[in-house]
């Protein structure tokens, strides 16, 4: 039995991300903020200037892994603790190594850039880049979930479980594709030059609106899956066929 209701596990990461945006605004966080040299060298640069709300995606991903570890599953508390720690390290590595953006934004930038150079229109190239970002980021989240709680068990045959798993993976990847497509438009929609200067109140409000628009679909899918899981388990007891 999970200590958190399904709604908190699903929508909690969105709330945490919104709070992070609010905290950045209240504290005036920007490049003028004094930080250790190693952190400044790793974070500030090309990708943060062009994709500032990827910071929000990183917060969302970490919160999703932490609350996801409380989902019902076969793993015990020790595995959940150790698996969650490994999952978060994996996500941070994919998103921040060797510098901000990691392999996630570099995959998107390379995919979109190559598509544009081969004659695709800017909207198509942008969409392909966002898809690459969603695939890499989603893979890290999915592997993290498996590390923390393991694969779901049930009485359904493997073919049915495979269909359900593939369907869930596709819908969540599409939701992340939409999310990164929205977040990538932050500067174009008027976010301003953050982090070169602190967020204004209006820019913080815009960032919150973009975060909600981007991640509520993904969070809603998680909530629907959590609600459907007990019903699906009950059906498989009576009908184990594919």
C-alpha atoms as a PDB file:
ATOM      1  CA  UNK A   1       0.000   0.000   0.000  1.00  0.00           C
ATOM      2  CA  UNK A   2       1.437   3.372  -1.034  1.00  0.00           C
ATOM      3  CA  UNK A   3       1.789   6.079   1.657  1.00  0.00           C
ATOM      4  CA  UNK A   4       0.713   8.699  -0.907  1.00  0.00           C
ATOM      5  CA  UNK A   5      -2.600   8.853  -2.783  1.00  0.00           C
ATOM      6  CA  UNK A   6      -2.445   8.411  -6.546  1.00  0.00           C
ATOM      7  CA  UNK A   7      -3.239  12.085  -7.144  1.00  0.00           C
ATOM      8  CA  UNK A   8      -0.265  13.228  -5.052  1.00  0.00           C
ATOM      9  CA  UNK A   9       2.092  10.804  -6.790  1.00  0.00           C
ATOM     10  CA  UNK A  10       0.841  11.957 -10.184  1.00  0.00           C
ATOM     11  CA  UNK A  11       0.500  15.719  -9.757  1.00  0.00           C
ATOM     12  CA  UNK A  12       3.002  16.277  -6.947  1.00  0.00           C
ATOM     13  CA  UNK A  13       5.943  16.642  -9.375  1.00  0.00           C
ATOM     14  CA  UNK A  14       4.078  19.401 -11.217  1.00  0.00           C
ATOM     15  CA  UNK A  15       3.484  21.233  -7.937  1.00  0.00           C
ATOM     16  CA  UNK A  16       7.150  20.868  -6.955  1.00  0.00           C
ATOM     17  CA  UNK A  17       8.224  22.277 -10.328  1.00  0.00           C
ATOM     18  CA  UNK A  18       5.897  25.258  -9.963  1.00  0.00           C
ATOM     19  CA  UNK A  19       7.304  25.887  -6.475  1.00  0.00           C
ATOM     20  CA  UNK A  20      10.834  25.757  -7.910  1.00  0.00           C
ATOM     21  CA  UNK A  21       9.939  28.462 -10.440  1.00  0.00           C
ATOM     22  CA  UNK A  22       8.465  30.563  -7.647  1.00  0.00           C
ATOM     23  CA  UNK A  23      11.574  30.089  -5.533  1.00  0.00           C
ATOM     24  CA  UNK A  24      13.817  31.164  -8.425  1.00  0.00           C
ATOM     25  CA  UNK A  25      11.738  34.334  -8.772  1.00  0.00           C
ATOM     26  CA  UNK A  26      11.598  35.123  -5.050  1.00  0.00           C
ATOM     27  CA  UNK A  27      15.348  34.658  -4.565  1.00  0.00           C
ATOM     28  CA  UNK A  28      16.278  36.528  -7.748  1.00  0.00           C
ATOM     29  CA  UNK A  29      18.312  33.575  -8.990  1.00  0.00           C
ATOM     30  CA  UNK A  30      20.374  34.498 -12.054  1.00  0.00           C
ATOM     31  CA  UNK A  31      23.918  34.504 -13.371  1.00  0.00           C
ATOM     32  CA  UNK A  32      24.605  37.334 -10.944  1.00  0.00           C
ATOM     33  CA  UNK A  33      23.989  34.956  -8.043  1.00  0.00           C
ATOM     34  CA  UNK A  34      27.274  33.919  -6.459  1.00  0.00           C
ATOM     35  CA  UNK A  35      27.720  30.168  -6.877  1.00  0.00           C
ATOM     36  CA  UNK A  36      30.744  27.868  -6.665  1.00  0.00           C
ATOM     37  CA  UNK A  37      32.904  28.130  -9.779  1.00  0.00           C
ATOM     38  CA  UNK A  38      32.421  24.450 -10.619  1.00  0.00           C
ATOM     39  CA  UNK A  39      28.629  24.860 -10.661  1.00  0.00           C
ATOM     40  CA  UNK A  40      28.768  28.028 -12.761  1.00  0.00           C
ATOM     41  CA  UNK A  41      31.047  26.351 -15.297  1.00  0.00           C
ATOM     42  CA  UNK A  42      28.728  23.353 -15.570  1.00  0.00           C
ATOM     43  CA  UNK A  43      25.400  25.192 -15.774  1.00  0.00           C
ATOM     44  CA  UNK A  44      25.834  28.536 -17.497  1.00  0.00           C
ATOM     45  CA  UNK A  45      26.344  28.430 -21.239  1.00  0.00           C
ATOM     46  CA  UNK A  46      24.756  27.751 -24.616  1.00  0.00           C
ATOM     47  CA  UNK A  47      22.005  25.321 -23.652  1.00  0.00           C
ATOM     48  CA  UNK A  48      20.822  27.171 -20.552  1.00  0.00           C
ATOM     49  CA  UNK A  49      20.583  30.414 -22.546  1.00  0.00           C
ATOM     50  CA  UNK A  50      18.478  28.791 -25.259  1.00  0.00           C
ATOM     51  CA  UNK A  51      16.464  26.277 -23.238  1.00  0.00           C
ATOM     52  CA  UNK A  52      16.086  27.872 -19.786  1.00  0.00           C
ATOM     53  CA  UNK A  53      13.007  25.871 -18.786  1.00  0.00           C
ATOM     54  CA  UNK A  54      14.909  22.621 -19.123  1.00  0.00           C
ATOM     55  CA  UNK A  55      15.722  23.413 -15.484  1.00  0.00           C
ATOM     56  CA  UNK A  56      12.023  22.893 -14.787  1.00  0.00           C
ATOM     57  CA  UNK A  57      12.095  19.572 -16.627  1.00  0.00           C
ATOM     58  CA  UNK A  58      15.004  18.449 -14.471  1.00  0.00           C
ATOM     59  CA  UNK A  59      13.113  19.320 -11.278  1.00  0.00           C
ATOM     60  CA  UNK A  60      10.032  17.536 -12.608  1.00  0.00           C
ATOM     61  CA  UNK A  61      12.028  14.417 -13.430  1.00  0.00           C
ATOM     62  CA  UNK A  62      13.674  14.181 -10.010  1.00  0.00           C
ATOM     63  CA  UNK A  63      10.344  14.740  -8.244  1.00  0.00           C
ATOM     64  CA  UNK A  64       8.687  12.151 -10.488  1.00  0.00           C
ATOM     65  CA  UNK A  65      11.303   9.554  -9.552  1.00  0.00           C
ATOM     66  CA  UNK A  66      11.050  10.313  -5.830  1.00  0.00           C
ATOM     67  CA  UNK A  67       7.258  10.122  -5.673  1.00  0.00           C
ATOM     68  CA  UNK A  68       7.185   7.255  -8.157  1.00  0.00           C
ATOM     69  CA  UNK A  69       9.182   5.174  -5.688  1.00  0.00           C
ATOM     70  CA  UNK A  70       6.085   5.208  -3.461  1.00  0.00           C
ATOM     71  CA  UNK A  71       3.953   3.465  -6.089  1.00  0.00           C
ATOM     72  CA  UNK A  72       2.615  -0.019  -5.321  1.00  0.00           C
ATOM     73  CA  UNK A  73       5.007  -2.644  -6.598  1.00  0.00           C
ATOM     74  CA  UNK A  74       7.016  -5.759  -5.778  1.00  0.00           C
ATOM     75  CA  UNK A  75      10.083  -3.911  -4.444  1.00  0.00           C
ATOM     76  CA  UNK A  76      10.828  -3.668  -0.746  1.00  0.00           C
ATOM     77  CA  UNK A  77      11.871  -0.482   1.082  1.00  0.00           C
ATOM     78  CA  UNK A  78      15.620  -1.092   0.707  1.00  0.00           C
ATOM     79  CA  UNK A  79      15.370  -1.590  -3.036  1.00  0.00           C
ATOM     80  CA  UNK A  80      13.155   1.477  -3.359  1.00  0.00           C
ATOM     81  CA  UNK A  81      15.669   3.610  -1.467  1.00  0.00           C
ATOM     82  CA  UNK A  82      18.736   2.344  -3.313  1.00  0.00           C
ATOM     83  CA  UNK A  83      16.958   2.175  -6.668  1.00  0.00           C
ATOM     84  CA  UNK A  84      15.663   5.733  -6.328  1.00  0.00           C
ATOM     85  CA  UNK A  85      19.137   7.030  -5.524  1.00  0.00           C
ATOM     86  CA  UNK A  86      20.615   5.276  -8.560  1.00  0.00           C
ATOM     87  CA  UNK A  87      17.732   6.471 -10.744  1.00  0.00           C
ATOM     88  CA  UNK A  88      18.242  10.108  -9.736  1.00  0.00           C
ATOM     89  CA  UNK A  89      21.988   9.883 -10.350  1.00  0.00           C
ATOM     90  CA  UNK A  90      21.256   8.392 -13.785  1.00  0.00           C
ATOM     91  CA  UNK A  91      18.821  11.181 -14.653  1.00  0.00           C
ATOM     92  CA  UNK A  92      21.206  13.893 -13.460  1.00  0.00           C
ATOM     93  CA  UNK A  93      24.041  12.352 -15.461  1.00  0.00           C
ATOM     94  CA  UNK A  94      21.971  12.204 -18.639  1.00  0.00           C
ATOM     95  CA  UNK A  95      20.800  15.801 -18.159  1.00  0.00           C
ATOM     96  CA  UNK A  96      23.966  17.456 -16.817  1.00  0.00           C
ATOM     97  CA  UNK A  97      27.005  15.606 -18.171  1.00  0.00           C
ATOM     98  CA  UNK A  98      29.347  16.982 -19.386  1.00  0.00           C
ATOM     99  CA  UNK A  99      27.521  20.308 -18.884  1.00  0.00           C
ATOM    100  CA  UNK A 100      23.924  21.537 -18.585  1.00  0.00           C
ATOM    101  CA  UNK A 101      21.662  19.751 -21.058  1.00  0.00           C
ATOM    102  CA  UNK A 102      23.750  16.601 -21.081  1.00  0.00           C
ATOM    103  CA  UNK A 103      22.921  13.975 -23.654  1.00  0.00           C
ATOM    104  CA  UNK A 104      19.247  14.977 -23.571  1.00  0.00           C
ATOM    105  CA  UNK A 105      19.460  18.457 -25.077  1.00  0.00           C
ATOM    106  CA  UNK A 106      22.438  17.532 -27.226  1.00  0.00           C
ATOM    107  CA  UNK A 107      20.398  14.744 -28.815  1.00  0.00           C
ATOM    108  CA  UNK A 108      17.578  17.170 -29.533  1.00  0.00           C
ATOM    109  CA  UNK A 109      19.866  19.886 -30.864  1.00  0.00           C
ATOM    110  CA  UNK A 110      21.738  17.462 -33.118  1.00  0.00           C
ATOM    111  CA  UNK A 111      18.538  15.859 -34.440  1.00  0.00           C
ATOM    112  CA  UNK A 112      16.790  19.154 -35.109  1.00  0.00           C
ATOM    113  CA  UNK A 113      19.912  20.733 -36.566  1.00  0.00           C
ATOM    114  CA  UNK A 114      20.540  17.863 -38.972  1.00  0.00           C
ATOM    115  CA  UNK A 115      16.899  17.852 -40.044  1.00  0.00           C
ATOM    116  CA  UNK A 116      17.046  21.576 -40.807  1.00  0.00           C
ATOM    117  CA  UNK A 117      20.335  21.246 -42.691  1.00  0.00           C
ATOM    118  CA  UNK A 118      18.865  18.481 -44.856  1.00  0.00           C
ATOM    119  CA  UNK A 119      16.053  20.741 -46.025  1.00  0.00           C
ATOM    120  CA  UNK A 120      13.270  20.249 -43.489  1.00  0.00           C
ATOM    121  CA  UNK A 121      11.248  23.276 -42.459  1.00  0.00           C
ATOM    122  CA  UNK A 122      11.905  24.835 -39.070  1.00  0.00           C
ATOM    123  CA  UNK A 123       8.670  23.511 -37.458  1.00  0.00           C
ATOM    124  CA  UNK A 124       9.456  19.949 -38.580  1.00  0.00           C
ATOM    125  CA  UNK A 125      13.067  20.225 -37.425  1.00  0.00           C
ATOM    126  CA  UNK A 126      11.898  21.623 -34.088  1.00  0.00           C
ATOM    127  CA  UNK A 127       9.406  18.795 -33.673  1.00  0.00           C
ATOM    128  CA  UNK A 128      12.036  16.165 -34.444  1.00  0.00           C
ATOM    129  CA  UNK A 129      14.421  17.740 -31.953  1.00  0.00           C
ATOM    130  CA  UNK A 130      11.733  17.782 -29.261  1.00  0.00           C
ATOM    131  CA  UNK A 131      10.984  14.125 -30.021  1.00  0.00           C
ATOM    132  CA  UNK A 132      14.636  13.185 -29.522  1.00  0.00           C
ATOM    133  CA  UNK A 133      14.703  15.032 -26.194  1.00  0.00           C
ATOM    134  CA  UNK A 134      11.524  13.246 -25.088  1.00  0.00           C
ATOM    135  CA  UNK A 135      12.916   9.824 -26.026  1.00  0.00           C
ATOM    136  CA  UNK A 136      16.171  10.217 -24.093  1.00  0.00           C
ATOM    137  CA  UNK A 137      14.537  11.880 -21.078  1.00  0.00           C
ATOM    138  CA  UNK A 138      11.695   9.350 -21.043  1.00  0.00           C
ATOM    139  CA  UNK A 139      14.128   6.443 -21.255  1.00  0.00           C
ATOM    140  CA  UNK A 140      15.956   7.740 -18.184  1.00  0.00           C
ATOM    141  CA  UNK A 141      12.666   8.116 -16.291  1.00  0.00           C
ATOM    142  CA  UNK A 142      11.474   4.665 -17.322  1.00  0.00           C
ATOM    143  CA  UNK A 143      14.693   2.934 -16.345  1.00  0.00           C
ATOM    144  CA  UNK A 144      14.637   4.823 -13.068  1.00  0.00           C
ATOM    145  CA  UNK A 145      11.150   3.545 -12.319  1.00  0.00           C
ATOM    146  CA  UNK A 146      12.202  -0.043 -13.008  1.00  0.00           C
ATOM    147  CA  UNK A 147      15.222   0.330 -10.746  1.00  0.00           C
ATOM    148  CA  UNK A 148      13.122   1.689  -7.894  1.00  0.00           C
ATOM    149  CA  UNK A 149       9.978  -0.474  -7.907  1.00  0.00           C
ATOM    150  CA  UNK A 150      10.560  -3.187 -10.504  1.00  0.00           C
ATOM    151  CA  UNK A 151       8.277  -4.362 -13.290  1.00  0.00           C
ATOM    152  CA  UNK A 152       4.572  -4.659 -12.417  1.00  0.00           C
ATOM    153  CA  UNK A 153       3.300  -8.163 -11.751  1.00  0.00           C
ATOM    154  CA  UNK A 154      -0.043  -9.655 -12.571  1.00  0.00           C
ATOM    155  CA  UNK A 155      -1.860 -12.773 -13.693  1.00  0.00           C
ATOM    156  CA  UNK A 156      -2.235 -11.606 -17.293  1.00  0.00           C
ATOM    157  CA  UNK A 157      -0.224 -13.425 -19.926  1.00  0.00           C
ATOM    158  CA  UNK A 158       2.960 -11.876 -21.234  1.00  0.00           C
ATOM    159  CA  UNK A 159       1.377 -10.802 -24.530  1.00  0.00           C
ATOM    160  CA  UNK A 160      -1.229  -8.725 -22.751  1.00  0.00           C
ATOM    161  CA  UNK A 161       1.318  -7.226 -20.381  1.00  0.00           C
ATOM    162  CA  UNK A 162       3.502  -6.399 -23.377  1.00  0.00           C
ATOM    163  CA  UNK A 163       0.656  -4.614 -25.154  1.00  0.00           C
ATOM    164  CA  UNK A 164      -0.174  -2.627 -22.039  1.00  0.00           C
ATOM    165  CA  UNK A 165       3.465  -1.731 -21.461  1.00  0.00           C
ATOM    166  CA  UNK A 166       4.059  -0.616 -25.042  1.00  0.00           C
ATOM    167  CA  UNK A 167       0.878   1.440 -25.029  1.00  0.00           C
ATOM    168  CA  UNK A 168       1.838   3.113 -21.767  1.00  0.00           C
ATOM    169  CA  UNK A 169       5.335   3.847 -23.059  1.00  0.00           C
ATOM    170  CA  UNK A 170       4.033   5.384 -26.295  1.00  0.00           C
ATOM    171  CA  UNK A 171       1.459   7.614 -24.634  1.00  0.00           C
ATOM    172  CA  UNK A 172       3.905   8.890 -22.031  1.00  0.00           C
ATOM    173  CA  UNK A 173       6.564   9.542 -24.670  1.00  0.00           C
ATOM    174  CA  UNK A 174       4.038  11.533 -26.689  1.00  0.00           C
ATOM    175  CA  UNK A 175       3.162  13.504 -23.550  1.00  0.00           C
ATOM    176  CA  UNK A 176       6.843  14.271 -22.967  1.00  0.00           C
ATOM    177  CA  UNK A 177       7.211  15.245 -26.635  1.00  0.00           C
ATOM    178  CA  UNK A 178       4.421  17.761 -26.142  1.00  0.00           C
ATOM    179  CA  UNK A 179       6.014  18.957 -22.889  1.00  0.00           C
ATOM    180  CA  UNK A 180       9.426  19.635 -24.373  1.00  0.00           C
ATOM    181  CA  UNK A 181       7.855  21.252 -27.407  1.00  0.00           C
ATOM    182  CA  UNK A 182       6.121  23.713 -25.076  1.00  0.00           C
ATOM    183  CA  UNK A 183       9.144  24.335 -22.842  1.00  0.00           C
ATOM    184  CA  UNK A 184      11.349  25.041 -25.842  1.00  0.00           C
ATOM    185  CA  UNK A 185       9.113  27.984 -26.772  1.00  0.00           C
ATOM    186  CA  UNK A 186       9.809  29.812 -23.500  1.00  0.00           C
ATOM    187  CA  UNK A 187      12.044  32.509 -24.963  1.00  0.00           C
ATOM    188  CA  UNK A 188       9.850  32.973 -28.029  1.00  0.00           C
ATOM    189  CA  UNK A 189       6.767  33.510 -25.859  1.00  0.00           C
ATOM    190  CA  UNK A 190       8.424  36.272 -23.829  1.00  0.00           C
ATOM    191  CA  UNK A 191      10.276  34.645 -20.939  1.00  0.00           C
ATOM    192  CA  UNK A 192      13.110  37.121 -21.340  1.00  0.00           C
ATOM    193  CA  UNK A 193      16.858  36.660 -20.964  1.00  0.00           C
ATOM    194  CA  UNK A 194      16.793  34.599 -17.754  1.00  0.00           C
ATOM    195  CA  UNK A 195      19.215  33.466 -16.323  1.00  0.00           C
ATOM    196  CA  UNK A 196      21.246  36.466 -17.465  1.00  0.00           C
ATOM    197  CA  UNK A 197      19.041  38.561 -15.211  1.00  0.00           C
ATOM    198  CA  UNK A 198      16.452  37.641 -12.539  1.00  0.00           C
ATOM    199  CA  UNK A 199      12.896  36.737 -13.505  1.00  0.00           C
ATOM    200  CA  UNK A 200      10.316  39.491 -13.330  1.00  0.00           C
ATOM    201  CA  UNK A 201       6.902  38.753 -11.824  1.00  0.00           C
ATOM    202  CA  UNK A 202       5.353  38.543 -15.285  1.00  0.00           C
ATOM    203  CA  UNK A 203       8.065  36.211 -16.554  1.00  0.00           C
ATOM    204  CA  UNK A 204       7.677  33.986 -13.508  1.00  0.00           C
ATOM    205  CA  UNK A 205       3.936  33.807 -14.168  1.00  0.00           C
ATOM    206  CA  UNK A 206       4.607  32.895 -17.794  1.00  0.00           C
ATOM    207  CA  UNK A 207       7.072  30.202 -16.721  1.00  0.00           C
ATOM    208  CA  UNK A 208       4.492  28.722 -14.336  1.00  0.00           C
ATOM    209  CA  UNK A 209       1.867  28.712 -17.094  1.00  0.00           C
ATOM    210  CA  UNK A 210       4.245  26.952 -19.496  1.00  0.00           C
ATOM    211  CA  UNK A 211       5.195  24.382 -16.857  1.00  0.00           C
ATOM    212  CA  UNK A 212       1.541  23.597 -16.140  1.00  0.00           C
ATOM    213  CA  UNK A 213       0.676  23.359 -19.832  1.00  0.00           C
ATOM    214  CA  UNK A 214       3.710  21.188 -20.513  1.00  0.00           C
ATOM    215  CA  UNK A 215       3.531  18.648 -17.699  1.00  0.00           C
ATOM    216  CA  UNK A 216      -0.137  18.303 -16.771  1.00  0.00           C
ATOM    217  CA  UNK A 217      -0.795  15.868 -19.668  1.00  0.00           C
ATOM    218  CA  UNK A 218       2.071  13.606 -18.558  1.00  0.00           C
ATOM    219  CA  UNK A 219       0.955  13.809 -14.928  1.00  0.00           C
ATOM    220  CA  UNK A 220      -2.637  13.035 -15.926  1.00  0.00           C
ATOM    221  CA  UNK A 221      -1.524   9.855 -17.691  1.00  0.00           C
ATOM    222  CA  UNK A 222       0.276   8.762 -14.530  1.00  0.00           C
ATOM    223  CA  UNK A 223      -2.875   9.418 -12.501  1.00  0.00           C
ATOM    224  CA  UNK A 224      -5.069   7.469 -14.937  1.00  0.00           C
ATOM    225  CA  UNK A 225      -2.629   4.548 -14.898  1.00  0.00           C
ATOM    226  CA  UNK A 226      -2.659   4.507 -11.093  1.00  0.00           C
ATOM    227  CA  UNK A 227      -6.456   4.476 -10.992  1.00  0.00           C
ATOM    228  CA  UNK A 228      -6.700   1.763 -13.639  1.00  0.00           C
ATOM    229  CA  UNK A 229      -4.105  -0.524 -12.050  1.00  0.00           C
ATOM    230  CA  UNK A 230      -6.325  -1.996  -9.286  1.00  0.00           C
ATOM    231  CA  UNK A 231      -9.201  -2.550 -11.737  1.00  0.00           C
ATOM    232  CA  UNK A 232      -6.878  -4.173 -14.261  1.00  0.00           C
ATOM    233  CA  UNK A 233      -5.465  -6.448 -11.564  1.00  0.00           C
ATOM    234  CA  UNK A 234      -8.952  -7.514 -10.604  1.00  0.00           C
ATOM    235  CA  UNK A 235      -9.857  -8.351 -14.184  1.00  0.00           C
ATOM    236  CA  UNK A 236      -6.730 -10.410 -14.705  1.00  0.00           C
ATOM    237  CA  UNK A 237      -7.716 -12.632 -11.799  1.00  0.00           C
ATOM    238  CA  UNK A 238     -10.818 -13.670 -13.768  1.00  0.00           C
ATOM    239  CA  UNK A 239      -9.476 -13.442 -17.302  1.00  0.00           C
ATOM    240  CA  UNK A 240      -5.809 -14.316 -17.646  1.00  0.00           C
ATOM    241  CA  UNK A 241      -5.979 -14.604 -21.411  1.00  0.00           C
ATOM    242  CA  UNK A 242      -4.378 -12.171 -23.867  1.00  0.00           C
END
